[in-house]
Protein backbone atom coordinates (compact mmCIF):
# COMPACT_ATOMS: atom_id res chain seq x y z
CA MET A 1 28.46 -81.43 17.45
CA ALA A 2 27.50 -85.07 17.69
CA GLN A 3 24.04 -85.95 16.44
CA ARG A 4 21.63 -86.99 19.14
CA THR A 5 18.90 -89.50 18.51
CA CYS A 6 15.28 -89.26 19.43
CA ARG A 7 12.28 -91.55 19.11
CA PRO A 8 11.54 -92.81 15.60
CA ARG A 9 8.34 -90.77 15.64
CA PRO A 10 9.20 -87.15 14.63
CA HIS A 11 9.14 -84.48 17.28
CA ARG A 12 6.85 -82.02 15.43
CA THR A 13 5.81 -79.08 17.53
CA GLN A 14 4.64 -75.58 16.66
CA ILE A 15 6.57 -72.84 18.41
CA SER A 16 5.45 -72.61 22.02
CA PRO A 17 6.99 -70.77 24.97
CA LEU A 18 5.76 -73.61 27.19
CA THR A 19 8.01 -76.12 25.45
CA SER A 20 11.33 -76.36 27.29
CA ALA A 21 12.74 -79.75 26.24
CA CYS A 22 11.87 -82.84 24.24
CA TYR A 23 9.85 -85.13 26.48
CA ALA A 24 11.87 -88.13 25.26
CA CYS A 25 15.53 -87.24 25.45
CA GLY A 26 16.30 -83.57 25.90
CA MET A 27 16.81 -82.92 22.18
CA THR A 28 16.85 -79.29 21.06
CA THR A 29 13.28 -77.98 20.92
CA PRO A 30 11.46 -75.53 18.61
CA HIS A 31 11.32 -72.99 21.42
CA GLU A 32 15.07 -73.16 21.92
CA LEU A 33 15.59 -72.62 18.19
CA LEU A 34 13.20 -69.66 18.34
CA GLU A 35 15.47 -68.10 20.96
CA VAL A 36 18.42 -68.68 18.60
CA LEU A 37 16.56 -66.91 15.78
CA LYS A 38 16.08 -63.86 17.99
CA ARG A 39 19.76 -63.18 17.28
CA VAL A 40 19.15 -63.03 13.51
CA LYS A 41 18.67 -59.40 12.47
CA TYR A 42 16.28 -58.44 9.71
CA PRO A 43 18.49 -57.08 6.90
CA GLY A 44 18.77 -53.31 7.15
CA PHE A 45 17.17 -53.09 10.61
CA SER A 46 18.39 -53.37 14.18
CA ARG A 47 15.54 -55.66 15.23
CA ASP A 48 15.46 -59.43 14.82
CA ILE A 49 13.25 -61.51 12.55
CA VAL A 50 11.24 -62.87 15.50
CA SER A 51 10.27 -59.37 16.63
CA PHE A 52 9.21 -58.61 13.06
CA GLY A 53 6.84 -61.60 13.13
CA VAL A 54 8.70 -63.29 10.28
CA VAL A 55 8.97 -66.69 12.00
CA ARG A 56 5.76 -68.67 11.57
CA ASP A 57 6.66 -72.24 12.52
CA ILE A 58 9.58 -74.46 13.52
CA GLN A 59 9.52 -78.25 13.28
CA ILE A 60 12.18 -80.72 14.39
CA GLY A 61 12.30 -84.34 13.26
CA THR A 62 14.89 -87.08 13.09
CA ARG A 63 15.63 -86.12 9.47
CA GLY A 64 16.14 -82.42 9.99
CA VAL A 65 14.80 -79.01 10.94
CA SER A 66 12.07 -77.18 9.01
CA VAL A 67 11.58 -73.43 9.45
CA ASP A 68 8.62 -71.57 7.90
CA LEU A 69 9.02 -67.81 7.45
CA ALA A 70 6.82 -65.10 5.96
CA THR A 71 7.93 -61.59 5.03
CA ALA A 72 6.61 -58.66 3.02
CA ALA A 73 10.05 -58.00 1.54
CA ALA A 74 10.01 -57.87 -2.26
CA SER A 75 13.79 -57.99 -2.66
CA ASP A 76 15.30 -61.34 -3.60
CA GLU A 77 18.54 -60.21 -1.95
CA ILE A 78 16.83 -59.65 1.40
CA ILE A 79 15.08 -63.00 1.25
CA ALA A 80 18.32 -64.76 0.32
CA GLN A 81 20.12 -63.04 3.21
CA ILE A 82 17.43 -64.09 5.70
CA ARG A 83 17.63 -67.68 4.45
CA THR A 84 21.43 -67.75 4.78
CA ASP A 85 21.42 -66.21 8.26
CA VAL A 86 18.72 -68.57 9.54
CA GLU A 87 20.49 -71.65 8.19
CA ALA A 88 23.78 -70.55 9.75
CA ALA A 89 22.23 -69.73 13.13
CA ILE A 90 20.50 -73.09 13.42
CA ALA A 91 23.45 -75.08 12.09
CA ALA A 92 25.56 -73.59 14.88
CA VAL A 93 23.46 -75.25 17.59
CA ILE A 94 22.08 -78.44 16.06
CA ASP A 95 23.71 -81.03 13.79
CA LEU A 96 20.78 -81.71 11.47
CA PRO A 97 19.88 -80.63 7.91
CA VAL A 98 17.99 -77.33 7.83
CA GLU A 99 15.20 -76.50 5.38
CA VAL A 100 13.99 -72.88 5.28
CA ALA A 101 10.74 -72.02 3.48
CA ILE A 102 10.07 -68.31 2.97
CA GLU A 103 6.70 -67.02 1.82
CA ARG A 104 6.20 -63.52 0.50
CA ALA A 105 3.31 -62.31 2.64
CA PRO A 106 1.26 -59.73 0.69
CA GLN A 107 0.40 -56.47 2.43
CA PRO A 108 -2.85 -54.65 1.59
CA ALA A 109 -2.06 -51.34 -0.09
CA ALA A 110 -4.83 -49.57 1.80
CA ALA A 111 -3.16 -50.36 5.10
CA GLY A 112 0.25 -48.76 4.56
CA PRO A 113 1.57 -45.41 5.71
CA ARG A 114 1.47 -44.04 2.15
CA ALA A 115 -2.28 -44.78 1.90
CA ALA A 116 -2.85 -43.15 5.30
CA ARG A 117 -1.44 -39.91 3.86
CA SER A 118 -4.59 -39.46 1.79
CA GLY A 119 -6.81 -39.99 4.84
CA ILE A 120 -5.78 -36.91 6.85
CA PRO A 121 -3.82 -34.21 4.99
CA GLY A 122 -0.25 -34.01 6.24
CA VAL A 123 -0.43 -37.17 8.34
CA ARG A 124 1.92 -39.90 7.18
CA ALA A 125 0.72 -42.84 9.31
CA VAL A 126 -2.26 -43.41 11.60
CA VAL A 127 -1.58 -45.98 14.32
CA ALA A 128 -4.40 -47.23 16.56
CA VAL A 129 -3.73 -48.48 20.09
CA ALA A 130 -6.56 -50.79 21.10
CA SER A 131 -7.62 -53.34 23.69
CA GLY A 132 -10.38 -55.89 23.85
CA LYS A 133 -11.36 -54.85 27.37
CA GLY A 134 -10.87 -51.98 29.76
CA GLY A 135 -8.40 -51.73 32.60
CA VAL A 136 -5.36 -53.10 30.78
CA GLY A 137 -3.42 -49.81 30.64
CA LYS A 138 -4.06 -49.02 26.98
CA SER A 139 -3.95 -45.25 27.48
CA THR A 140 -0.72 -45.52 29.47
CA VAL A 141 0.85 -47.38 26.56
CA ALA A 142 -0.55 -44.96 23.97
CA VAL A 143 0.69 -41.85 25.81
CA ASN A 144 4.17 -43.21 26.58
CA VAL A 145 4.66 -44.60 23.06
CA ALA A 146 3.57 -41.26 21.55
CA CYS A 147 6.03 -39.38 23.78
CA ALA A 148 8.80 -41.87 22.99
CA LEU A 149 8.24 -41.40 19.26
CA ALA A 150 8.42 -37.63 19.72
CA GLN A 151 11.62 -37.92 21.76
CA GLY A 152 13.08 -39.90 18.87
CA GLY A 153 12.62 -36.91 16.58
CA ALA A 154 9.27 -37.75 14.95
CA SER A 155 6.38 -35.30 14.70
CA VAL A 156 3.55 -36.94 16.62
CA GLY A 157 -0.13 -36.35 17.28
CA LEU A 158 -2.29 -38.12 19.88
CA LEU A 159 -6.04 -38.43 19.40
CA ASP A 160 -7.96 -39.62 22.45
CA ALA A 161 -10.91 -41.44 20.89
CA ASP A 162 -12.15 -42.77 24.24
CA VAL A 163 -15.07 -40.35 24.45
CA TYR A 164 -16.66 -41.82 27.58
CA GLY A 165 -13.45 -42.22 29.59
CA PRO A 166 -10.85 -39.72 28.30
CA SER A 167 -7.62 -39.93 30.28
CA VAL A 168 -5.05 -38.33 27.96
CA PRO A 169 -5.46 -34.79 29.45
CA ILE A 170 -4.64 -36.14 32.92
CA MET A 171 -1.67 -38.20 31.75
CA LEU A 172 -0.23 -35.22 29.88
CA GLY A 173 -0.85 -32.85 32.80
CA LEU A 174 -3.00 -30.44 30.77
CA GLY A 175 -5.16 -29.35 33.71
CA ASP A 176 -7.74 -26.76 32.58
CA GLU A 177 -6.05 -25.99 29.24
CA ARG A 178 -8.49 -25.79 26.35
CA PRO A 179 -7.75 -26.07 22.62
CA GLN A 180 -7.86 -22.90 20.57
CA VAL A 181 -10.70 -22.61 18.07
CA ARG A 182 -9.79 -20.40 15.12
CA PRO A 183 -12.25 -18.07 13.34
CA ASP A 184 -12.64 -20.65 10.58
CA ARG A 185 -13.77 -23.13 13.28
CA ARG A 186 -10.60 -25.20 12.93
CA ILE A 187 -9.41 -26.66 16.25
CA VAL A 188 -5.76 -26.28 17.23
CA PRO A 189 -4.54 -29.23 19.34
CA ILE A 190 -2.64 -28.62 22.57
CA GLU A 191 1.05 -29.50 22.37
CA LYS A 192 2.79 -31.03 25.37
CA PHE A 193 6.09 -32.89 25.53
CA GLY A 194 6.37 -32.56 21.76
CA VAL A 195 3.01 -34.28 21.17
CA ARG A 196 -0.02 -32.52 19.66
CA ALA A 197 -3.06 -33.86 21.52
CA ILE A 198 -6.83 -33.62 21.33
CA SER A 199 -9.40 -35.22 23.61
CA MET A 200 -13.01 -34.93 24.67
CA GLY A 201 -11.60 -34.40 28.16
CA MET A 202 -10.32 -30.98 27.03
CA PHE A 203 -13.86 -29.75 26.41
CA VAL A 204 -15.67 -31.02 29.51
CA GLY A 205 -14.87 -30.90 33.22
CA GLU A 206 -13.43 -33.86 35.07
CA ARG A 207 -16.74 -34.48 36.82
CA THR A 208 -18.92 -34.02 33.76
CA PRO A 209 -20.10 -37.37 32.37
CA VAL A 210 -20.44 -37.79 28.62
CA ILE A 211 -23.89 -39.32 28.12
CA TRP A 212 -24.10 -39.68 24.37
CA ARG A 213 -25.55 -42.19 21.97
CA GLY A 214 -23.52 -43.76 19.17
CA PRO A 215 -24.23 -41.14 16.45
CA MET A 216 -22.89 -38.34 18.66
CA VAL A 217 -19.70 -40.30 19.32
CA THR A 218 -19.30 -40.86 15.59
CA LYS A 219 -19.76 -37.15 14.88
CA LEU A 220 -17.17 -36.11 17.48
CA ILE A 221 -14.48 -38.54 16.26
CA THR A 222 -15.11 -37.42 12.69
CA GLU A 223 -14.67 -33.81 13.86
CA PHE A 224 -11.34 -34.72 15.47
CA PHE A 225 -10.15 -36.29 12.23
CA ARG A 226 -11.37 -33.67 9.81
CA ASN A 227 -11.51 -30.37 11.71
CA VAL A 228 -8.36 -30.45 13.85
CA GLU A 229 -5.30 -28.61 12.56
CA TRP A 230 -2.87 -31.50 12.93
CA GLY A 231 -0.26 -30.06 10.59
CA GLU A 232 2.51 -32.28 9.25
CA LEU A 233 2.78 -35.46 11.31
CA ASP A 234 4.87 -38.58 10.97
CA TYR A 235 2.50 -40.46 13.25
CA LEU A 236 -1.00 -39.87 14.58
CA VAL A 237 -1.52 -42.23 17.54
CA LEU A 238 -5.15 -43.10 18.30
CA ASP A 239 -6.06 -44.08 21.85
CA LEU A 240 -9.16 -46.14 21.09
CA PRO A 241 -11.79 -47.01 23.69
CA PRO A 242 -11.88 -50.66 24.78
CA GLY A 243 -13.93 -53.12 22.77
CA THR A 244 -15.17 -53.10 19.20
CA GLY A 245 -18.04 -50.60 19.14
CA ASP A 246 -19.10 -47.37 17.42
CA ALA A 247 -15.81 -45.54 17.96
CA GLN A 248 -13.72 -48.31 16.43
CA LEU A 249 -16.08 -48.63 13.47
CA THR A 250 -15.92 -44.87 12.88
CA VAL A 251 -12.12 -44.92 12.92
CA VAL A 252 -11.77 -47.67 10.33
CA GLN A 253 -14.41 -46.05 8.11
CA GLN A 254 -12.90 -42.56 8.31
CA VAL A 255 -9.18 -43.17 7.80
CA PRO A 256 -7.00 -45.96 6.42
CA LEU A 257 -4.93 -47.27 9.31
CA ALA A 258 -1.22 -47.90 8.95
CA GLY A 259 -1.60 -50.49 11.69
CA GLY A 260 -2.89 -51.38 15.11
CA VAL A 261 -1.23 -52.18 18.43
CA ILE A 262 -3.10 -54.50 20.80
CA VAL A 263 -2.59 -54.01 24.55
CA THR A 264 -3.42 -56.84 26.94
CA THR A 265 -2.63 -58.19 30.37
CA PRO A 266 -1.52 -61.80 30.93
CA GLN A 267 -4.67 -63.26 32.48
CA ASP A 268 -6.98 -65.43 30.38
CA VAL A 269 -10.00 -63.11 30.56
CA ALA A 270 -7.98 -60.34 28.88
CA LEU A 271 -6.37 -62.65 26.33
CA LEU A 272 -9.77 -63.83 25.10
CA ASP A 273 -10.54 -60.25 24.11
CA VAL A 274 -7.21 -59.92 22.29
CA LYS A 275 -8.58 -62.29 19.66
CA ARG A 276 -11.48 -59.92 19.02
CA GLY A 277 -9.13 -56.96 18.68
CA ILE A 278 -6.85 -58.74 16.22
CA THR A 279 -9.81 -60.01 14.23
CA MET A 280 -11.26 -56.49 14.08
CA PHE A 281 -8.10 -55.10 12.46
CA GLN A 282 -7.84 -58.05 10.09
CA GLN A 283 -11.42 -57.60 8.92
CA VAL A 284 -10.74 -54.00 7.88
CA ASN A 285 -7.43 -54.90 6.18
CA ALA A 286 -5.34 -53.04 8.76
CA PRO A 287 -2.14 -54.85 9.74
CA VAL A 288 -1.61 -55.68 13.41
CA LEU A 289 1.79 -54.20 14.24
CA GLY A 290 2.02 -56.29 17.37
CA VAL A 291 0.89 -57.11 20.89
CA VAL A 292 2.03 -55.42 24.12
CA GLU A 293 1.65 -57.28 27.41
CA ASN A 294 1.06 -54.70 30.16
CA MET A 295 1.22 -55.50 33.89
CA SER A 296 3.30 -58.48 32.82
CA PHE A 297 4.85 -58.91 36.26
CA HIS A 298 5.37 -56.94 39.47
CA VAL A 299 8.76 -55.73 40.68
CA CYS A 300 8.98 -54.99 44.40
CA SER A 301 10.30 -51.47 44.96
CA GLY A 302 11.96 -52.60 48.18
CA CYS A 303 13.81 -55.81 47.37
CA GLY A 304 13.51 -55.92 43.59
CA SER A 305 11.94 -59.38 43.58
CA ARG A 306 9.61 -60.31 40.77
CA ALA A 307 6.07 -61.68 41.13
CA GLU A 308 3.84 -62.76 38.26
CA ILE A 309 0.57 -61.61 39.81
CA PHE A 310 -1.60 -62.02 36.71
CA GLY A 311 0.44 -64.80 35.15
CA HIS A 312 3.08 -64.13 32.51
CA GLY A 313 3.71 -64.73 28.82
CA GLY A 314 0.10 -64.94 27.68
CA GLY A 315 0.45 -61.94 25.39
CA GLU A 316 3.49 -63.41 23.65
CA THR A 317 1.73 -66.75 23.23
CA MET A 318 -1.33 -65.06 21.73
CA ALA A 319 0.82 -63.02 19.34
CA ARG A 320 2.53 -66.16 18.14
CA GLN A 321 -0.77 -67.98 17.63
CA PHE A 322 -1.94 -65.19 15.33
CA GLY A 323 1.43 -64.80 13.61
CA VAL A 324 1.91 -61.17 14.69
CA PRO A 325 4.93 -59.60 16.42
CA PHE A 326 5.23 -59.44 20.19
CA LEU A 327 6.34 -55.85 20.83
CA GLY A 328 7.28 -56.14 24.48
CA ALA A 329 6.25 -56.59 28.11
CA ILE A 330 5.60 -53.76 30.58
CA PRO A 331 5.76 -54.62 34.30
CA LEU A 332 3.33 -53.48 36.97
CA VAL A 333 5.48 -50.77 38.55
CA ARG A 334 4.39 -47.93 40.83
CA ASP A 335 6.59 -45.41 39.04
CA ILE A 336 4.61 -45.81 35.79
CA ARG A 337 1.30 -45.18 37.54
CA ALA A 338 2.64 -42.30 39.62
CA ALA A 339 4.13 -40.57 36.58
CA GLY A 340 0.80 -40.77 34.74
CA ASP A 341 -1.08 -39.41 37.74
CA ARG A 342 1.36 -36.46 37.96
CA GLY A 343 0.78 -35.66 34.31
CA VAL A 344 4.37 -36.39 33.25
CA PRO A 345 4.65 -39.75 31.43
CA ILE A 346 7.54 -41.85 32.69
CA VAL A 347 9.42 -41.67 29.38
CA VAL A 348 9.49 -37.88 29.87
CA ALA A 349 9.98 -37.81 33.64
CA ASP A 350 12.86 -40.31 33.61
CA PRO A 351 13.97 -41.43 30.13
CA GLU A 352 16.68 -43.67 31.62
CA HIS A 353 14.28 -45.53 33.91
CA PRO A 354 14.22 -49.25 33.03
CA GLN A 355 10.51 -49.06 32.29
CA SER A 356 10.99 -46.00 30.10
CA ARG A 357 13.42 -48.07 28.07
CA ALA A 358 10.68 -50.68 27.64
CA PHE A 359 8.29 -48.09 26.18
CA ILE A 360 11.04 -46.67 23.98
CA GLU A 361 11.81 -50.14 22.60
CA ILE A 362 8.12 -50.69 21.84
CA ALA A 363 7.99 -47.35 20.02
CA GLY A 364 11.06 -48.41 18.02
CA ALA A 365 9.42 -51.71 17.17
CA VAL A 366 6.33 -49.88 15.89
CA GLU A 367 8.51 -47.65 13.70
CA THR A 368 10.41 -50.57 12.21
CA GLN A 369 7.18 -52.47 11.55
CA LEU A 370 5.77 -49.47 9.68
CA ALA A 371 9.02 -48.95 7.78
CA GLU A 372 9.11 -52.56 6.60
CA ARG A 373 5.48 -52.53 5.54
CA GLU A 374 5.89 -49.25 3.67
CA ALA A 375 9.02 -50.57 1.95
CA GLY A 376 7.15 -53.71 0.89
CA ILE A 377 4.21 -51.71 -0.46
CA LEU A 378 6.39 -49.25 -2.35
CA ALA A 379 8.37 -52.09 -3.89
CA HIS A 380 5.17 -53.55 -5.28
């Protein structure tokens, strides 16, 4: 490929989905190279290095291309393979020298799935699904991801930590079912669709408000952690309440988290709160497994046309700014809402539905993130 020239001043741009072409001459841009790197698989996994959050920065200048990567992998062979694959992928589309810098990003031992095992007996990994504000569909994501993990063969629990607004019983169609309390006062969670679930909504009526102060919320969540018979679980998914209050503080104090998933919508007011959610996990040494953009766009059920009602791409941009993976985008589709209202999550009601596939891919991304982090911790 013939080398194209640009202005003498280097074109140095951090990765941005808003960048579509060099303003000077149409030279290949960092964003275009990022798309190329989405075809580079992480060694040993089916997902690409961009989804894993390995790519930190791409710079293009007249003298060459510079790519900054960060991975928790301890193996020199894996790092060498990533370097080779990245160099080959970029060389195939641009005729410039390529320099790849790979940093070994340390992972806190307290945040891995192995450490979480000591938090709740029998539970391998505790994963928190959080949002900076309400109304972004966090519970919908938590329920569908939990069901998708169970459909994939994992043993899964779902703890609804949203004491004031529990919605898990409705989304799982539990109706008036109540958990069994054994003679030793241990609580047996209700199992539905292969998921063992517990929620404040199972103990109070739909019209009964929970008017509690912070200490009571703390006591209840502690009870759910310590006095529920979870059994052997691969994953315990926590549906956290929105914000960063008493419930979130109790969670991070009670159990070591394997990681957190941040749910947002594209509009700016929601994205501002994503920063708080990511910072919260970082402050307690819990890795952020990634960001999910819910209500990313609307698909008309009649004609199939797409409308970006709340904007689009903000979640992916925010994930990139913080150097965390973007797990996927979920559209605003009536079928998702209707399935939740019927008490049969869409991944259960119609596993082949396009939006079910989106939830299943997000669940797979969470699993691969946890697997890589556990592998990195065990290697150390």
